[in-house]
C-alpha atoms as a PDB file:
ATOM      1  CA  MET A   1      74.422-116.850  23.818  1.00  0.00           C
ATOM      2  CA  HIS A   2      76.478-117.625  20.616  1.00  0.00           C
ATOM      3  CA  PRO A   3      76.529-115.481  17.742  1.00  0.00           C
ATOM      4  CA  LEU A   4      74.261-116.173  14.783  1.00  0.00           C
ATOM      5  CA  ILE A   5      76.549-117.508  12.273  1.00  0.00           C
ATOM      6  CA  ILE A   6      74.963-117.157   8.471  1.00  0.00           C
ATOM      7  CA  ASP A   7      76.974-118.893   6.110  1.00  0.00           C
ATOM      8  CA  GLU A   8      76.845-121.459   3.162  1.00  0.00           C
ATOM      9  CA  LYS A   9      76.772-124.433   5.705  1.00  0.00           C
ATOM     10  CA  LEU A  10      73.636-122.653   6.990  1.00  0.00           C
ATOM     11  CA  VAL A  11      71.784-122.174   3.922  1.00  0.00           C
ATOM     12  CA  CYS A  12      72.663-125.748   2.664  1.00  0.00           C
ATOM     13  CA  ARG A  13      71.189-127.114   5.966  1.00  0.00           C
ATOM     14  CA  LEU A  14      67.942-124.933   5.498  1.00  0.00           C
ATOM     15  CA  ILE A  15      67.367-125.815   1.837  1.00  0.00           C
ATOM     16  CA  ALA A  16      67.917-129.388   2.513  1.00  0.00           C
ATOM     17  CA  SER A  17      65.423-129.802   5.298  1.00  0.00           C
ATOM     18  CA  GLN A  18      62.819-127.092   3.624  1.00  0.00           C
ATOM     19  CA  PHE A  19      63.170-127.428  -0.081  1.00  0.00           C
ATOM     20  CA  PRO A  20      65.164-130.554  -1.188  1.00  0.00           C
ATOM     21  CA  HIS A  21      64.444-130.462  -4.752  1.00  0.00           C
ATOM     22  CA  TYR A  22      67.003-127.685  -4.758  1.00  0.00           C
ATOM     23  CA  SER A  23      69.536-129.358  -2.411  1.00  0.00           C
ATOM     24  CA  ASN A  24      71.677-130.398  -5.606  1.00  0.00           C
ATOM     25  CA  LEU A  25      72.670-126.920  -6.153  1.00  0.00           C
ATOM     26  CA  PRO A  26      75.978-125.129  -5.238  1.00  0.00           C
ATOM     27  CA  VAL A  27      75.696-122.319  -2.348  1.00  0.00           C
ATOM     28  CA  ASN A  28      78.122-119.669  -2.585  1.00  0.00           C
ATOM     29  CA  SER A  29      78.031-115.977  -1.046  1.00  0.00           C
ATOM     30  CA  VAL A  30      77.430-112.942  -3.287  1.00  0.00           C
ATOM     31  CA  ALA A  31      80.499-111.103  -4.094  1.00  0.00           C
ATOM     32  CA  VAL A  32      78.833-108.076  -2.674  1.00  0.00           C
ATOM     33  CA  GLY A  33      76.284-108.404   0.193  1.00  0.00           C
ATOM     34  CA  GLY A  34      74.140-106.025   1.941  1.00  0.00           C
ATOM     35  CA  TRP A  35      73.468-105.012   5.555  1.00  0.00           C
ATOM     36  CA  ASP A  36      69.795-105.885   6.104  1.00  0.00           C
ATOM     37  CA  ASN A  37      70.282-109.403   4.396  1.00  0.00           C
ATOM     38  CA  ARG A  38      72.710-112.117   3.880  1.00  0.00           C
ATOM     39  CA  THR A  39      72.679-113.168   0.397  1.00  0.00           C
ATOM     40  CA  PHE A  40      73.984-116.181  -1.416  1.00  0.00           C
ATOM     41  CA  HIS A  41      73.802-117.833  -4.762  1.00  0.00           C
ATOM     42  CA  LEU A  42      71.790-120.992  -5.328  1.00  0.00           C
ATOM     43  CA  GLY A  43      72.762-122.701  -8.309  1.00  0.00           C
ATOM     44  CA  LYS A  44      73.441-120.078 -11.283  1.00  0.00           C
ATOM     45  CA  GLU A  45      69.591-118.673 -11.646  1.00  0.00           C
ATOM     46  CA  MET A  46      68.151-118.313  -7.859  1.00  0.00           C
ATOM     47  CA  LEU A  47      69.669-116.570  -4.794  1.00  0.00           C
ATOM     48  CA  VAL A  48      68.804-116.999  -1.172  1.00  0.00           C
ATOM     49  CA  ARG A  49      68.240-114.054   1.153  1.00  0.00           C
ATOM     50  CA  LEU A  50      68.279-114.322   4.993  1.00  0.00           C
ATOM     51  CA  PRO A  51      67.507-111.218   7.523  1.00  0.00           C
ATOM     52  CA  SER A  52      70.694-110.582   9.400  1.00  0.00           C
ATOM     53  CA  ALA A  53      68.445-109.486  12.532  1.00  0.00           C
ATOM     54  CA  GLU A  54      65.188-109.649  13.943  1.00  0.00           C
ATOM     55  CA  GLN A  55      64.195-106.167  12.692  1.00  0.00           C
ATOM     56  CA  TYR A  56      64.610-107.235   9.187  1.00  0.00           C
ATOM     57  CA  GLU A  57      62.181-110.159   9.060  1.00  0.00           C
ATOM     58  CA  LEU A  58      59.454-107.824   8.987  1.00  0.00           C
ATOM     59  CA  GLN A  59      60.418-107.131   5.233  1.00  0.00           C
ATOM     60  CA  VAL A  60      60.138-110.726   3.995  1.00  0.00           C
ATOM     61  CA  GLU A  61      56.459-111.453   4.083  1.00  0.00           C
ATOM     62  CA  LYS A  62      56.160-107.993   2.844  1.00  0.00           C
ATOM     63  CA  GLU A  63      58.103-108.415  -0.180  1.00  0.00           C
ATOM     64  CA  GLN A  64      56.515-111.826  -0.687  1.00  0.00           C
ATOM     65  CA  GLN A  65      52.943-110.199  -0.889  1.00  0.00           C
ATOM     66  CA  TRP A  66      53.730-107.204  -2.988  1.00  0.00           C
ATOM     67  CA  LEU A  67      56.686-107.502  -5.113  1.00  0.00           C
ATOM     68  CA  PRO A  68      54.806-110.328  -7.617  1.00  0.00           C
ATOM     69  CA  GLN A  69      51.780-107.938  -7.792  1.00  0.00           C
ATOM     70  CA  LEU A  70      54.353-105.061  -8.675  1.00  0.00           C
ATOM     71  CA  ALA A  71      56.685-106.443 -11.025  1.00  0.00           C
ATOM     72  CA  PRO A  72      54.390-106.811 -14.249  1.00  0.00           C
ATOM     73  CA  LEU A  73      53.718-102.921 -13.768  1.00  0.00           C
ATOM     74  CA  LEU A  74      56.937-101.576 -13.968  1.00  0.00           C
ATOM     75  CA  PRO A  75      59.786-100.847 -17.159  1.00  0.00           C
ATOM     76  CA  VAL A  76      62.480-102.751 -15.496  1.00  0.00           C
ATOM     77  CA  SER A  77      63.004-105.723 -13.465  1.00  0.00           C
ATOM     78  CA  ILE A  78      62.401-106.299 -10.135  1.00  0.00           C
ATOM     79  CA  PRO A  79      63.319-109.061  -7.734  1.00  0.00           C
ATOM     80  CA  ILE A  80      60.273-111.724  -7.518  1.00  0.00           C
ATOM     81  CA  PRO A  81      60.374-114.237  -4.593  1.00  0.00           C
ATOM     82  CA  LEU A  82      59.990-118.144  -5.626  1.00  0.00           C
ATOM     83  CA  GLU A  83      59.666-119.676  -2.167  1.00  0.00           C
ATOM     84  CA  MET A  84      59.579-118.379   1.452  1.00  0.00           C
ATOM     85  CA  GLY A  85      61.467-120.413   4.053  1.00  0.00           C
ATOM     86  CA  MET A  86      60.668-120.968   7.574  1.00  0.00           C
ATOM     87  CA  PRO A  87      62.872-120.674  10.825  1.00  0.00           C
ATOM     88  CA  GLY A  88      64.742-123.882  11.245  1.00  0.00           C
ATOM     89  CA  GLU A  89      68.400-125.356  11.571  1.00  0.00           C
ATOM     90  CA  GLY A  90      69.169-123.180  14.409  1.00  0.00           C
ATOM     91  CA  TYR A  91      68.341-119.872  12.113  1.00  0.00           C
ATOM     92  CA  PRO A  92      65.249-118.045  13.705  1.00  0.00           C
ATOM     93  CA  TRP A  93      63.560-115.963  11.010  1.00  0.00           C
ATOM     94  CA  LYS A  94      61.808-116.353   7.801  1.00  0.00           C
ATOM     95  CA  TRP A  95      63.679-116.106   4.775  1.00  0.00           C
ATOM     96  CA  SER A  96      63.436-115.979   0.951  1.00  0.00           C
ATOM     97  CA  ILE A  97      64.262-117.539  -2.529  1.00  0.00           C
ATOM     98  CA  TYR A  98      64.523-115.594  -5.569  1.00  0.00           C
ATOM     99  CA  ARG A  99      65.322-115.541  -9.211  1.00  0.00           C
ATOM    100  CA  TRP A 100      68.785-114.009 -10.007  1.00  0.00           C
ATOM    101  CA  LEU A 101      68.482-110.888 -11.670  1.00  0.00           C
ATOM    102  CA  GLU A 102      71.459-110.289 -14.373  1.00  0.00           C
ATOM    103  CA  GLY A 103      73.235-106.800 -14.098  1.00  0.00           C
ATOM    104  CA  GLU A 104      76.008-104.935 -12.427  1.00  0.00           C
ATOM    105  CA  ALA A 105      75.311-102.544  -9.555  1.00  0.00           C
ATOM    106  CA  ILE A 106      75.901 -98.924 -10.502  1.00  0.00           C
ATOM    107  CA  ALA A 107      78.350 -98.703  -7.481  1.00  0.00           C
ATOM    108  CA  SER A 108      80.729-100.634  -9.165  1.00  0.00           C
ATOM    109  CA  ALA A 109      79.817-100.418 -12.766  1.00  0.00           C
ATOM    110  CA  ASN A 110      82.182 -96.967 -13.499  1.00  0.00           C
ATOM    111  CA  LEU A 111      79.888 -95.568 -16.135  1.00  0.00           C
ATOM    112  CA  SER A 112      81.331 -92.720 -18.094  1.00  0.00           C
ATOM    113  CA  ASN A 113      77.797 -91.214 -18.760  1.00  0.00           C
ATOM    114  CA  LEU A 114      74.857 -91.258 -16.258  1.00  0.00           C
ATOM    115  CA  ASN A 115      72.435 -89.353 -18.466  1.00  0.00           C
ATOM    116  CA  GLU A 116      70.678 -92.337 -19.728  1.00  0.00           C
ATOM    117  CA  ILE A 117      70.276 -94.014 -16.070  1.00  0.00           C
ATOM    118  CA  ALA A 118      68.707 -91.015 -15.107  1.00  0.00           C
ATOM    119  CA  LYS A 119      65.972 -90.978 -17.766  1.00  0.00           C
ATOM    120  CA  ASP A 120      65.373 -94.520 -17.126  1.00  0.00           C
ATOM    121  CA  LEU A 121      65.213 -94.279 -13.064  1.00  0.00           C
ATOM    122  CA  ALA A 122      62.697 -91.197 -13.572  1.00  0.00           C
ATOM    123  CA  THR A 123      60.857 -93.536 -16.049  1.00  0.00           C
ATOM    124  CA  PHE A 124      60.862 -96.144 -13.150  1.00  0.00           C
ATOM    125  CA  LEU A 125      59.614 -93.916 -10.683  1.00  0.00           C
ATOM    126  CA  THR A 126      56.961 -92.418 -12.188  1.00  0.00           C
ATOM    127  CA  ALA A 127      55.430 -95.856 -13.412  1.00  0.00           C
ATOM    128  CA  PHE A 128      55.964 -96.789  -9.506  1.00  0.00           C
ATOM    129  CA  HIS A 129      54.050 -93.735  -8.253  1.00  0.00           C
ATOM    130  CA  GLN A 130      51.217 -94.575 -10.763  1.00  0.00           C
ATOM    131  CA  ILE A 131      50.490 -98.085  -9.625  1.00  0.00           C
ATOM    132  CA  ASP A 132      47.617 -98.278  -7.353  1.00  0.00           C
ATOM    133  CA  SER A 133      48.882 -98.177  -3.788  1.00  0.00           C
ATOM    134  CA  THR A 134      45.250 -99.270  -1.940  1.00  0.00           C
ATOM    135  CA  GLY A 135      46.409-101.573   1.008  1.00  0.00           C
ATOM    136  CA  GLY A 136      50.097-101.081   0.456  1.00  0.00           C
ATOM    137  CA  PRO A 137      52.128-101.005   3.700  1.00  0.00           C
ATOM    138  CA  LYS A 138      52.086 -97.873   5.587  1.00  0.00           C
ATOM    139  CA  PRO A 139      55.241 -96.560   6.774  1.00  0.00           C
ATOM    140  CA  GLY A 140      56.430 -98.020   9.939  1.00  0.00           C
ATOM    141  CA  LEU A 141      59.440-100.057  11.719  1.00  0.00           C
ATOM    142  CA  HIS A 142      59.297-102.527   8.847  1.00  0.00           C
ATOM    143  CA  SER A 143      60.621 -99.518   6.326  1.00  0.00           C
ATOM    144  CA  PHE A 144      62.382 -97.383   8.935  1.00  0.00           C
ATOM    145  CA  TYR A 145      59.636 -94.991   8.393  1.00  0.00           C
ATOM    146  CA  ARG A 146      60.949 -94.444   4.625  1.00  0.00           C
ATOM    147  CA  GLY A 147      57.553 -92.794   2.998  1.00  0.00           C
ATOM    148  CA  GLY A 148      56.892 -91.211   6.488  1.00  0.00           C
ATOM    149  CA  ASP A 149      57.149 -88.130   8.386  1.00  0.00           C
ATOM    150  CA  LEU A 150      60.444 -86.190   8.240  1.00  0.00           C
ATOM    151  CA  LYS A 151      59.877 -85.327  11.901  1.00  0.00           C
ATOM    152  CA  ILE A 152      60.871 -89.076  13.191  1.00  0.00           C
ATOM    153  CA  TYR A 153      64.369 -88.193  12.632  1.00  0.00           C
ATOM    154  CA  ASP A 154      64.002 -84.675  13.939  1.00  0.00           C
ATOM    155  CA  LEU A 155      65.789 -85.234  17.197  1.00  0.00           C
ATOM    156  CA  GLU A 156      68.818 -87.284  15.589  1.00  0.00           C
ATOM    157  CA  THR A 157      69.390 -84.766  12.693  1.00  0.00           C
ATOM    158  CA  ARG A 158      69.642 -81.901  15.450  1.00  0.00           C
ATOM    159  CA  GLN A 159      72.143 -83.805  17.340  1.00  0.00           C
ATOM    160  CA  ALA A 160      74.099 -84.689  14.354  1.00  0.00           C
ATOM    161  CA  ILE A 161      74.034 -80.966  13.453  1.00  0.00           C
ATOM    162  CA  ASP A 162      75.282 -79.905  16.816  1.00  0.00           C
ATOM    163  CA  CYS A 163      78.104 -82.608  16.586  1.00  0.00           C
ATOM    164  CA  LEU A 164      79.457 -81.149  13.445  1.00  0.00           C
ATOM    165  CA  LYS A 165      79.761 -77.575  14.704  1.00  0.00           C
ATOM    166  CA  GLY A 166      82.758 -76.133  13.358  1.00  0.00           C
ATOM    167  CA  LYS A 167      83.000 -78.757  10.630  1.00  0.00           C
ATOM    168  CA  ILE A 168      80.025 -77.705   8.416  1.00  0.00           C
ATOM    169  CA  ASP A 169      77.629 -74.708   8.182  1.00  0.00           C
ATOM    170  CA  THR A 170      75.098 -75.773  10.798  1.00  0.00           C
ATOM    171  CA  ASP A 171      72.973 -72.599  10.327  1.00  0.00           C
ATOM    172  CA  HIS A 172      72.465 -73.820   6.642  1.00  0.00           C
ATOM    173  CA  ALA A 173      72.053 -77.363   7.359  1.00  0.00           C
ATOM    174  CA  THR A 174      69.254 -76.432  10.069  1.00  0.00           C
ATOM    175  CA  GLU A 175      67.707 -74.250   7.688  1.00  0.00           C
ATOM    176  CA  ILE A 176      67.090 -77.053   5.226  1.00  0.00           C
ATOM    177  CA  TRP A 177      65.900 -79.176   7.615  1.00  0.00           C
ATOM    178  CA  GLU A 178      63.204 -76.974   8.845  1.00  0.00           C
ATOM    179  CA  THR A 179      62.495 -75.673   5.608  1.00  0.00           C
ATOM    180  CA  ALA A 180      61.515 -79.433   4.837  1.00  0.00           C
ATOM    181  CA  LEU A 181      59.714 -79.883   8.125  1.00  0.00           C
ATOM    182  CA  ASN A 182      57.559 -77.156   7.279  1.00  0.00           C
ATOM    183  CA  THR A 183      55.892 -79.471   4.058  1.00  0.00           C
ATOM    184  CA  SER A 184      54.027 -82.359   3.428  1.00  0.00           C
ATOM    185  CA  TRP A 185      52.840 -84.831   0.713  1.00  0.00           C
ATOM    186  CA  GLN A 186      49.713 -83.615  -0.357  1.00  0.00           C
ATOM    187  CA  SER A 187      48.463 -86.097  -2.777  1.00  0.00           C
ATOM    188  CA  THR A 188      47.432 -89.735  -2.754  1.00  0.00           C
ATOM    189  CA  PRO A 189      50.079 -91.997  -0.888  1.00  0.00           C
ATOM    190  CA  VAL A 190      52.310 -93.603  -3.599  1.00  0.00           C
ATOM    191  CA  TRP A 191      54.825 -96.598  -3.719  1.00  0.00           C
ATOM    192  CA  VAL A 192      57.990 -95.668  -2.041  1.00  0.00           C
ATOM    193  CA  HIS A 193      61.308 -98.041  -2.381  1.00  0.00           C
ATOM    194  CA  GLY A 194      62.769 -96.865   0.177  1.00  0.00           C
ATOM    195  CA  ASP A 195      66.555 -97.404  -0.546  1.00  0.00           C
ATOM    196  CA  ILE A 196      67.543 -95.901  -4.020  1.00  0.00           C
ATOM    197  CA  SER A 197      70.855 -95.956  -4.328  1.00  0.00           C
ATOM    198  CA  ALA A 198      73.833 -97.051  -6.599  1.00  0.00           C
ATOM    199  CA  GLY A 199      74.126-100.316  -5.138  1.00  0.00           C
ATOM    200  CA  ASN A 200      70.493-101.165  -5.551  1.00  0.00           C
ATOM    201  CA  LEU A 201      70.256-100.219  -9.268  1.00  0.00           C
ATOM    202  CA  LEU A 202      71.450-102.635 -11.844  1.00  0.00           C
ATOM    203  CA  VAL A 203      72.538-101.661 -15.260  1.00  0.00           C
ATOM    204  CA  LYS A 204      73.493-103.513 -18.690  1.00  0.00           C
ATOM    205  CA  ASN A 205      74.629-102.277 -21.726  1.00  0.00           C
ATOM    206  CA  GLU A 206      74.692 -98.836 -19.707  1.00  0.00           C
ATOM    207  CA  LYS A 207      71.009 -98.969 -19.321  1.00  0.00           C
ATOM    208  CA  LEU A 208      69.078 -99.721 -16.163  1.00  0.00           C
ATOM    209  CA  CYS A 209      67.922-103.195 -16.187  1.00  0.00           C
ATOM    210  CA  ALA A 210      66.683-103.946 -12.620  1.00  0.00           C
ATOM    211  CA  VAL A 211      65.922-102.329  -9.194  1.00  0.00           C
ATOM    212  CA  ILE A 212      66.437-104.350  -6.401  1.00  0.00           C
ATOM    213  CA  ASP A 213      66.017-104.338  -2.508  1.00  0.00           C
ATOM    214  CA  PHE A 214      62.785-103.677  -1.662  1.00  0.00           C
ATOM    215  CA  GLY A 215      63.002-104.158   2.155  1.00  0.00           C
ATOM    216  CA  GLN A 216      61.837-100.678   2.893  1.00  0.00           C
ATOM    217  CA  LEU A 217      58.789-100.849   0.897  1.00  0.00           C
ATOM    218  CA  SER A 218      55.914 -98.690   1.749  1.00  0.00           C
ATOM    219  CA  VAL A 219      53.444 -96.465   0.334  1.00  0.00           C
ATOM    220  CA  GLY A 220      53.335 -92.732   1.308  1.00  0.00           C
ATOM    221  CA  ASP A 221      55.616 -89.746   0.826  1.00  0.00           C
ATOM    222  CA  PRO A 222      57.946 -90.610  -1.990  1.00  0.00           C
ATOM    223  CA  ALA A 223      60.549 -87.698  -0.898  1.00  0.00           C
ATOM    224  CA  CYS A 224      63.056 -90.295   0.432  1.00  0.00           C
ATOM    225  CA  ASP A 225      63.426 -91.930  -2.798  1.00  0.00           C
ATOM    226  CA  LEU A 226      64.916 -88.622  -4.518  1.00  0.00           C
ATOM    227  CA  ALA A 227      68.186 -88.794  -2.309  1.00  0.00           C
ATOM    228  CA  ILE A 228      69.690 -90.467  -5.605  1.00  0.00           C
ATOM    229  CA  THR A 229      69.583 -87.007  -6.987  1.00  0.00           C
ATOM    230  CA  TRP A 230      72.852 -85.989  -4.712  1.00  0.00           C
ATOM    231  CA  THR A 231      74.214 -89.272  -3.887  1.00  0.00           C
ATOM    232  CA  LEU A 232      74.820 -90.416  -7.648  1.00  0.00           C
ATOM    233  CA  PHE A 233      73.721 -87.800 -10.194  1.00  0.00           C
ATOM    234  CA  ALA A 234      75.659 -84.531 -11.127  1.00  0.00           C
ATOM    235  CA  GLY A 235      75.209 -81.942 -13.444  1.00  0.00           C
ATOM    236  CA  ASP A 236      73.179 -83.049 -16.385  1.00  0.00           C
ATOM    237  CA  SER A 237      72.398 -85.996 -15.075  1.00  0.00           C
ATOM    238  CA  ARG A 238      70.813 -84.422 -12.164  1.00  0.00           C
ATOM    239  CA  LYS A 239      69.140 -81.803 -14.322  1.00  0.00           C
ATOM    240  CA  ILE A 240      67.135 -84.680 -16.341  1.00  0.00           C
ATOM    241  CA  PHE A 241      66.559 -86.642 -13.491  1.00  0.00           C
ATOM    242  CA  ARG A 242      64.906 -83.566 -11.553  1.00  0.00           C
ATOM    243  CA  GLU A 243      63.024 -82.589 -14.945  1.00  0.00           C
ATOM    244  CA  MET A 244      61.401 -85.798 -15.689  1.00  0.00           C
ATOM    245  CA  LEU A 245      59.670 -86.378 -12.354  1.00  0.00           C
ATOM    246  CA  ALA A 246      56.505 -84.347 -11.994  1.00  0.00           C
ATOM    247  CA  LEU A 247      57.056 -83.693  -8.225  1.00  0.00           C
ATOM    248  CA  ASP A 248      56.578 -80.321  -6.388  1.00  0.00           C
ATOM    249  CA  LYS A 249      59.070 -78.096  -4.801  1.00  0.00           C
ATOM    250  CA  GLY A 250      57.844 -79.354  -1.004  1.00  0.00           C
ATOM    251  CA  THR A 251      58.760 -82.823  -2.140  1.00  0.00           C
ATOM    252  CA  TRP A 252      62.185 -81.809  -3.345  1.00  0.00           C
ATOM    253  CA  SER A 253      62.758 -79.817  -0.365  1.00  0.00           C
ATOM    254  CA  ARG A 254      61.800 -83.233   1.736  1.00  0.00           C
ATOM    255  CA  GLY A 255      64.023 -85.405  -0.497  1.00  0.00           C
ATOM    256  CA  ARG A 256      66.945 -82.689  -0.107  1.00  0.00           C
ATOM    257  CA  ALA A 257      66.323 -83.087   3.903  1.00  0.00           C
ATOM    258  CA  TRP A 258      66.279 -87.131   3.680  1.00  0.00           C
ATOM    259  CA  THR A 259      69.548 -86.737   1.918  1.00  0.00           C
ATOM    260  CA  LEU A 260      70.755 -84.472   4.644  1.00  0.00           C
ATOM    261  CA  TRP A 261      69.834 -86.356   7.633  1.00  0.00           C
ATOM    262  CA  LYS A 262      71.442 -89.523   6.301  1.00  0.00           C
ATOM    263  CA  ALA A 263      74.570 -87.651   5.438  1.00  0.00           C
ATOM    264  CA  LEU A 264      74.894 -85.901   8.824  1.00  0.00           C
ATOM    265  CA  ILE A 265      74.467 -88.974  10.894  1.00  0.00           C
ATOM    266  CA  VAL A 266      77.268 -90.524   9.051  1.00  0.00           C
ATOM    267  CA  ALA A 267      79.390 -87.669   8.633  1.00  0.00           C
ATOM    268  CA  ALA A 268      78.947 -87.110  12.531  1.00  0.00           C
ATOM    269  CA  GLY A 269      79.518 -91.027  13.521  1.00  0.00           C
ATOM    270  CA  ILE A 270      76.041 -91.510  14.821  1.00  0.00           C
ATOM    271  CA  ALA A 271      75.657 -94.483  12.155  1.00  0.00           C
ATOM    272  CA  ASN A 272      77.745 -97.235  11.914  1.00  0.00           C
ATOM    273  CA  THR A 273      80.139 -96.133   9.428  1.00  0.00           C
ATOM    274  CA  ASN A 274      83.971 -95.787   8.723  1.00  0.00           C
ATOM    275  CA  ALA A 275      86.233 -92.550   7.698  1.00  0.00           C
ATOM    276  CA  MET A 276      85.651 -93.143   4.020  1.00  0.00           C
ATOM    277  CA  GLU A 277      81.950 -92.811   4.271  1.00  0.00           C
ATOM    278  CA  ALA A 278      82.092 -89.916   6.692  1.00  0.00           C
ATOM    279  CA  GLN A 279      84.385 -87.949   4.244  1.00  0.00           C
ATOM    280  CA  LYS A 280      81.686 -89.015   1.353  1.00  0.00           C
ATOM    281  CA  SER A 281      78.780 -87.826   3.251  1.00  0.00           C
ATOM    282  CA  CYS A 282      80.555 -84.414   3.864  1.00  0.00           C
ATOM    283  CA  CYS A 283      81.071 -84.036   0.286  1.00  0.00           C
ATOM    284  CA  ILE A 284      77.160 -84.775  -0.161  1.00  0.00           C
ATOM    285  CA  ILE A 285      76.464 -82.124   2.589  1.00  0.00           C
ATOM    286  CA  ASN A 286      78.143 -79.615   0.372  1.00  0.00           C
ATOM    287  CA  GLU A 287      76.430 -80.407  -2.729  1.00  0.00           C
ATOM    288  CA  LEU A 288      73.010 -80.048  -0.720  1.00  0.00           C
ATOM    289  CA  PHE A 289      74.234 -76.710   0.334  1.00  0.00           C
ATOM    290  CA  LEU A 290      74.691 -75.615  -3.263  1.00  0.00           C
ATOM    291  CA  THR A 291      71.346 -76.820  -4.327  1.00  0.00           C
ATOM    292  CA  GLU A 292      68.980 -74.137  -5.180  1.00  0.00           C
ATOM    293  CA  LEU A 293      65.349 -75.447  -5.473  1.00  0.00           C
END
C-alpha cells in the first residue's frame, strides 16, 4: 500500500472536482503546519484542512456543526467552516474549507509581555464556559478524552514516571498525579477546547485576536485547558490568568496533572518527540513541582 501524500496537487484536484468555483485560486502550504491536519492556503482569504490520519476525521463534522454556533458568543475570532469536502481523488476522509484568520501564533510572536494575553485568554475561557453546552460532544476518541477523566491516562502516566527514575523527583510526580485523581468536576459540563497552546493562540498588536484548532472540542471538565498556565505563562502573567478564572482548587489540581501527563510522556520518549521537546518538558515538570495550589 502506498503512503498517502497530502500535497498541493491533491488539494487542487479535490477543489476542482468538488468546489470548481474555487479552482482558479492558488493553493500553497501554510508556513507552519500541525500534526492532526495538513493545512493549505486557498487564495488569500481561505484555507483547506485535511485530516492526516483516520482518527482525526472524527473532528471534521464536529467542527462543522458546533463552531458556527459558538463563534458569535465568543470575544475573539475562532475558525468558521465554509464548506465540507468529501473523500475523493484518492483521499479517503472528509475535509474542510475555512475562512483564513489574521494573526500570528504566540509560539512565534516573541512577545515581551504576556500579561495582556493572560487577561484576554482568561476572558475567552470564561465566556466559553458560560455558553450552553447542552447536546455538545462528550469526551471520547474524537477529543482524545480531553474534557474527560484523567484516569484514562493513569497507566501511561505511571509508566512515564517509572521511565524517568533518577531524572526527576518521581515521588513528587506521583503525589501530584494521585492528588488530582482524587478530585472531579462537580458542576455542569462546560465547553472544552482541548488544546489551548501557544501554537493555537493568534495575536495582533500584542492582543489575543483568535483561538484556532478546535479538533479536540468536547463538553466536560475544563481542567485540560489550564495547561497553558505552565507551558506559556510565568510570573505576573500566570498570576493574572489564575486569578481571573473562577475555578476551584480541585480543577487547578487536575489542570496541573494534565500538564504533568503530557510533559512526562514527552520527557520519557513515550510520545513521538525530539530531544529539544523532551528537554522543554523536563523544564515544565520542574515548574509544576514549584507550583503551590
